[in-house]
């Protein structure tokens, strides 16, 4: 294969342009990306409702309303625990300030180039700094909350429109292809929908399993609000690799600040380590990994790139999109090497007799 300078330039320019669009238009692309994943998982529900003689508009609306009711019921179920936890935040904040002041006081007495301060003076300085920065923090929190609510509403509206106009959208995309390739393109779009749907169904199963296992384990250990922390950690598992660690850290930090015994956070940390080990090595490969068929290298790179471009949303979205990219690459002969780089089949299967022996 001959690569000229012009081809290399076009490839690099295309990649740079794609990344620029993803970064500059992320406020619009993130809700649309979530909307497609929501539409993928609700498509079988909408089709089932339509089979009962309901028109497309009502079936799409009922599917979205059903999703809202499920998540709203989950929030209502844990609302009492959330309120109880928020009431304890003042004591929690005092304990955090004391720990931070003790650590700073220790460094202050053992490191010579720091100015000498008393513990009470340190606490007063920290409280003054928090009060001065509280307004900016409150403003930032309100702004991010408003953006999140607007993004969720936008994603639901886009998902409703995608379900409503799905047939026209597929026809439009397929029409871009020559007549002899339209059947192949239609199958490719079907595979894309199936990958997105299977990923979300698998993640929902993982979240439910982890939520119940975490809750039961934390209840046995004896932490307050075990089901809140258990399902919070399970829900955070939607962020690959890092989500379970974040969920465990929240429960460990809460137990460390709330209970006097050091064995409580240690026991919770060991329990979450065992759960994460089981989830990473047994549950996810069987339930989610088998559907995605993306190797670990591509998964980790997608998470890092997604986090750098779209933050937490990118960590959630880029992994299923890499799996969808693999499906697209398999549909084109020229892009099949890219599919081999993304998929796990190239790294696990045995060599065929017709293939050359590669000594690496």
Foldseek 3Di string as FASTA:
>chain_A
DDDDPVNVVVVVVVVVVVLVCCQVVVLPVLLLLLLLLLLLQLVVQLVVVVVVVDDQLVSLVVSLVVVVVVVVVVCVVCVVVVVVVVVCVVLLVVLVLLVVLVVVQVCLVVPPVHDHDDSVVSSVVVVVVCVVCVVVVVVVVVVVVVSVVVSVVSSSVSNSVCSSCVVVVLVVVLVVDPPVCSVLSSVLVVLLSQLSNLQVVLLVVQLVVQLVLQLVQLVVLPDPPRSVLRSCLSVLVLLPPCSNVVSLVVSLSVCVSPDPDNVSSVSSNVSSVVVVVCCVPPRCCVRNVVSLQFDPVLLVVQLVVLCVRPNSSSSNRRSSVLSSVLSVLVSDPVSPVVNCNTGCCVVPDDDDPPDDDDDD
